[in-house]
Amino acid sequence: MANLLCLLLEIMDAKKVVEVGVFRGTTTLAFAICLDGLNKKRPGQIRTVICLDVSSEYAETGQSYWKESGVDHLIDLRIGDAKLSLTTLLEEQDYGEESVDLCFIDADKLR
């Protein structure tokens, strides 16, 4: 699955990815590695993975791997209710409508 998502990011020359539901951060890591590769091919762009999760408990596991892989600077982890976090993103200067290239939702959709 991560390879397919990375291919999509490459095709669209993605700059901003939102991931809702981080868990242990493996998909986040895949996104960040892909964006890092795009940075090397096409420097000068600011590429970011904004990841949202309701709890930092599991995401802390991924953070050490993000750092070890050298892509932690591309990841913006936000803890809290995803609905509120998404609303906040819309209000921020660098984000807003039509500023996100891919949104990947892998969270508890029943909450």
C-alpha atoms as a PDB file:
ATOM      1  CA  MET A   1       0.000   0.000   0.000  1.00  0.00           C
ATOM      2  CA  ALA A   2       2.788   2.441   0.913  1.00  0.00           C
ATOM      3  CA  ASN A   3       4.437   1.945  -2.490  1.00  0.00           C
ATOM      4  CA  LEU A   4       1.215   2.819  -4.288  1.00  0.00           C
ATOM      5  CA  LEU A   5       0.714   5.921  -2.154  1.00  0.00           C
ATOM      6  CA  CYS A   6       4.310   6.981  -2.779  1.00  0.00           C
ATOM      7  CA  LEU A   7       3.810   6.551  -6.511  1.00  0.00           C
ATOM      8  CA  LEU A   8       0.760   8.819  -6.309  1.00  0.00           C
ATOM      9  CA  LEU A   9       2.788  11.424  -4.402  1.00  0.00           C
ATOM     10  CA  GLU A  10       5.494  11.323  -7.060  1.00  0.00           C
ATOM     11  CA  ILE A  11       3.023  11.613  -9.938  1.00  0.00           C
ATOM     12  CA  MET A  12       1.345  14.651  -8.406  1.00  0.00           C
ATOM     13  CA  ASP A  13       4.629  16.174  -7.165  1.00  0.00           C
ATOM     14  CA  ALA A  14       2.985  16.435  -3.737  1.00  0.00           C
ATOM     15  CA  LYS A  15       3.957  19.109  -1.273  1.00  0.00           C
ATOM     16  CA  LYS A  16       1.467  18.591   1.545  1.00  0.00           C
ATOM     17  CA  VAL A  17       0.041  15.322   2.793  1.00  0.00           C
ATOM     18  CA  VAL A  18      -2.411  14.959   5.661  1.00  0.00           C
ATOM     19  CA  GLU A  19      -2.643  11.652   7.462  1.00  0.00           C
ATOM     20  CA  VAL A  20      -5.507  11.151   9.893  1.00  0.00           C
ATOM     21  CA  GLY A  21      -4.661   8.330  12.278  1.00  0.00           C
ATOM     22  CA  VAL A  22      -0.965   7.745  12.908  1.00  0.00           C
ATOM     23  CA  PHE A  23      -0.893   4.721  15.225  1.00  0.00           C
ATOM     24  CA  ARG A  24       2.775   3.626  15.174  1.00  0.00           C
ATOM     25  CA  GLY A  25       3.733   5.941  12.312  1.00  0.00           C
ATOM     26  CA  THR A  26       4.741   3.482   9.606  1.00  0.00           C
ATOM     27  CA  THR A  27       2.664   5.123   6.880  1.00  0.00           C
ATOM     28  CA  THR A  28       3.851   8.518   8.106  1.00  0.00           C
ATOM     29  CA  LEU A  29       7.428   7.303   7.691  1.00  0.00           C
ATOM     30  CA  ALA A  30       6.693   6.048   4.167  1.00  0.00           C
ATOM     31  CA  PHE A  31       5.133   9.394   3.205  1.00  0.00           C
ATOM     32  CA  ALA A  32       8.056  11.351   4.651  1.00  0.00           C
ATOM     33  CA  ILE A  33      10.670   9.183   2.925  1.00  0.00           C
ATOM     34  CA  CYS A  34       8.845   9.650  -0.360  1.00  0.00           C
ATOM     35  CA  LEU A  35       8.618  13.425   0.104  1.00  0.00           C
ATOM     36  CA  ASP A  36      12.297  13.508   1.047  1.00  0.00           C
ATOM     37  CA  GLY A  37      13.089  11.754  -2.235  1.00  0.00           C
ATOM     38  CA  LEU A  38      11.016  14.345  -4.096  1.00  0.00           C
ATOM     39  CA  ASN A  39      12.961  17.097  -2.308  1.00  0.00           C
ATOM     40  CA  LYS A  40      16.189  15.602  -3.637  1.00  0.00           C
ATOM     41  CA  LYS A  41      14.820  15.359  -7.198  1.00  0.00           C
ATOM     42  CA  ARG A  42      13.163  18.780  -7.149  1.00  0.00           C
ATOM     43  CA  PRO A  43      14.741  20.969  -4.472  1.00  0.00           C
ATOM     44  CA  GLY A  44      13.284  24.271  -3.406  1.00  0.00           C
ATOM     45  CA  GLN A  45       9.850  23.003  -2.408  1.00  0.00           C
ATOM     46  CA  ILE A  46       8.620  22.764   1.149  1.00  0.00           C
ATOM     47  CA  ARG A  47       7.111  19.325   1.603  1.00  0.00           C
ATOM     48  CA  THR A  48       5.297  18.271   4.768  1.00  0.00           C
ATOM     49  CA  VAL A  49       3.360  15.380   6.237  1.00  0.00           C
ATOM     50  CA  ILE A  50       0.796  16.715   8.697  1.00  0.00           C
ATOM     51  CA  CYS A  51      -0.289  13.784  10.811  1.00  0.00           C
ATOM     52  CA  LEU A  52      -3.183  13.859  13.213  1.00  0.00           C
ATOM     53  CA  ASP A  53      -3.907  11.450  16.004  1.00  0.00           C
ATOM     54  CA  VAL A  54      -6.010  11.523  19.129  1.00  0.00           C
ATOM     55  CA  SER A  55      -3.202  10.108  21.290  1.00  0.00           C
ATOM     56  CA  SER A  56       0.573  10.400  21.373  1.00  0.00           C
ATOM     57  CA  GLU A  57       0.936   7.025  23.123  1.00  0.00           C
ATOM     58  CA  TYR A  58       1.482   4.962  19.969  1.00  0.00           C
ATOM     59  CA  ALA A  59       2.889   7.750  17.803  1.00  0.00           C
ATOM     60  CA  GLU A  60       5.872   8.059  20.130  1.00  0.00           C
ATOM     61  CA  THR A  61       7.087   4.714  18.764  1.00  0.00           C
ATOM     62  CA  GLY A  62       7.143   6.112  15.250  1.00  0.00           C
ATOM     63  CA  GLN A  63       8.863   9.339  16.230  1.00  0.00           C
ATOM     64  CA  SER A  64      12.116   7.557  17.033  1.00  0.00           C
ATOM     65  CA  TYR A  65      12.077   5.887  13.585  1.00  0.00           C
ATOM     66  CA  TRP A  66      11.275   9.185  11.870  1.00  0.00           C
ATOM     67  CA  LYS A  67      14.308  10.725  13.522  1.00  0.00           C
ATOM     68  CA  GLU A  68      16.547   7.714  12.827  1.00  0.00           C
ATOM     69  CA  SER A  69      15.522   7.879   9.145  1.00  0.00           C
ATOM     70  CA  GLY A  70      16.341  11.589   8.986  1.00  0.00           C
ATOM     71  CA  VAL A  71      12.852  12.698   7.941  1.00  0.00           C
ATOM     72  CA  ASP A  72      11.437  13.942  11.247  1.00  0.00           C
ATOM     73  CA  HIS A  73      11.840  17.550  10.046  1.00  0.00           C
ATOM     74  CA  LEU A  74       9.221  16.837   7.352  1.00  0.00           C
ATOM     75  CA  ILE A  75       6.611  15.612   9.841  1.00  0.00           C
ATOM     76  CA  ASP A  76       4.192  17.845  11.723  1.00  0.00           C
ATOM     77  CA  LEU A  77       2.509  15.648  14.364  1.00  0.00           C
ATOM     78  CA  ARG A  78      -0.612  17.118  15.931  1.00  0.00           C
ATOM     79  CA  ILE A  79      -2.331  15.425  18.844  1.00  0.00           C
ATOM     80  CA  GLY A  80      -6.025  15.989  19.435  1.00  0.00           C
ATOM     81  CA  ASP A  81      -9.422  15.466  17.899  1.00  0.00           C
ATOM     82  CA  ALA A  82      -8.928  15.241  14.123  1.00  0.00           C
ATOM     83  CA  LYS A  83     -12.056  17.264  13.365  1.00  0.00           C
ATOM     84  CA  LEU A  84     -10.713  20.177  15.386  1.00  0.00           C
ATOM     85  CA  SER A  85      -7.203  19.762  13.987  1.00  0.00           C
ATOM     86  CA  LEU A  86      -8.520  19.826  10.414  1.00  0.00           C
ATOM     87  CA  THR A  87     -10.518  22.956  11.166  1.00  0.00           C
ATOM     88  CA  THR A  88      -7.383  24.557  12.592  1.00  0.00           C
ATOM     89  CA  LEU A  89      -5.438  23.617   9.443  1.00  0.00           C
ATOM     90  CA  LEU A  90      -8.017  25.410   7.303  1.00  0.00           C
ATOM     91  CA  GLU A  91      -7.473  28.562   9.345  1.00  0.00           C
ATOM     92  CA  GLU A  92      -3.668  28.517   9.213  1.00  0.00           C
ATOM     93  CA  GLN A  93      -1.839  30.747   6.762  1.00  0.00           C
ATOM     94  CA  ASP A  94       0.130  28.004   4.978  1.00  0.00           C
ATOM     95  CA  TYR A  95      -2.816  25.687   4.621  1.00  0.00           C
ATOM     96  CA  GLY A  96      -6.464  26.203   3.813  1.00  0.00           C
ATOM     97  CA  GLU A  97      -8.711  24.853   1.102  1.00  0.00           C
ATOM     98  CA  GLU A  98      -7.011  23.253  -1.889  1.00  0.00           C
ATOM     99  CA  SER A  99      -3.554  23.380  -0.258  1.00  0.00           C
ATOM    100  CA  VAL A 100      -3.303  19.656   0.539  1.00  0.00           C
ATOM    101  CA  ASP A 101      -2.300  17.247  -2.215  1.00  0.00           C
ATOM    102  CA  LEU A 102      -3.313  13.998  -0.502  1.00  0.00           C
ATOM    103  CA  CYS A 103      -5.336  13.153   2.577  1.00  0.00           C
ATOM    104  CA  PHE A 104      -5.009   9.610   3.906  1.00  0.00           C
ATOM    105  CA  ILE A 105      -7.587   8.605   6.492  1.00  0.00           C
ATOM    106  CA  ASP A 106      -6.646   5.564   8.536  1.00  0.00           C
ATOM    107  CA  ALA A 107      -8.343   6.264  11.825  1.00  0.00           C
ATOM    108  CA  ASP A 108     -11.201   5.077  13.978  1.00  0.00           C
ATOM    109  CA  LYS A 109     -13.994   6.471  11.809  1.00  0.00           C
ATOM    110  CA  LEU A 110     -16.699   5.756  14.366  1.00  0.00           C
ATOM    111  CA  ARG A 111     -15.639   8.348  16.928  1.00  0.00           C
END
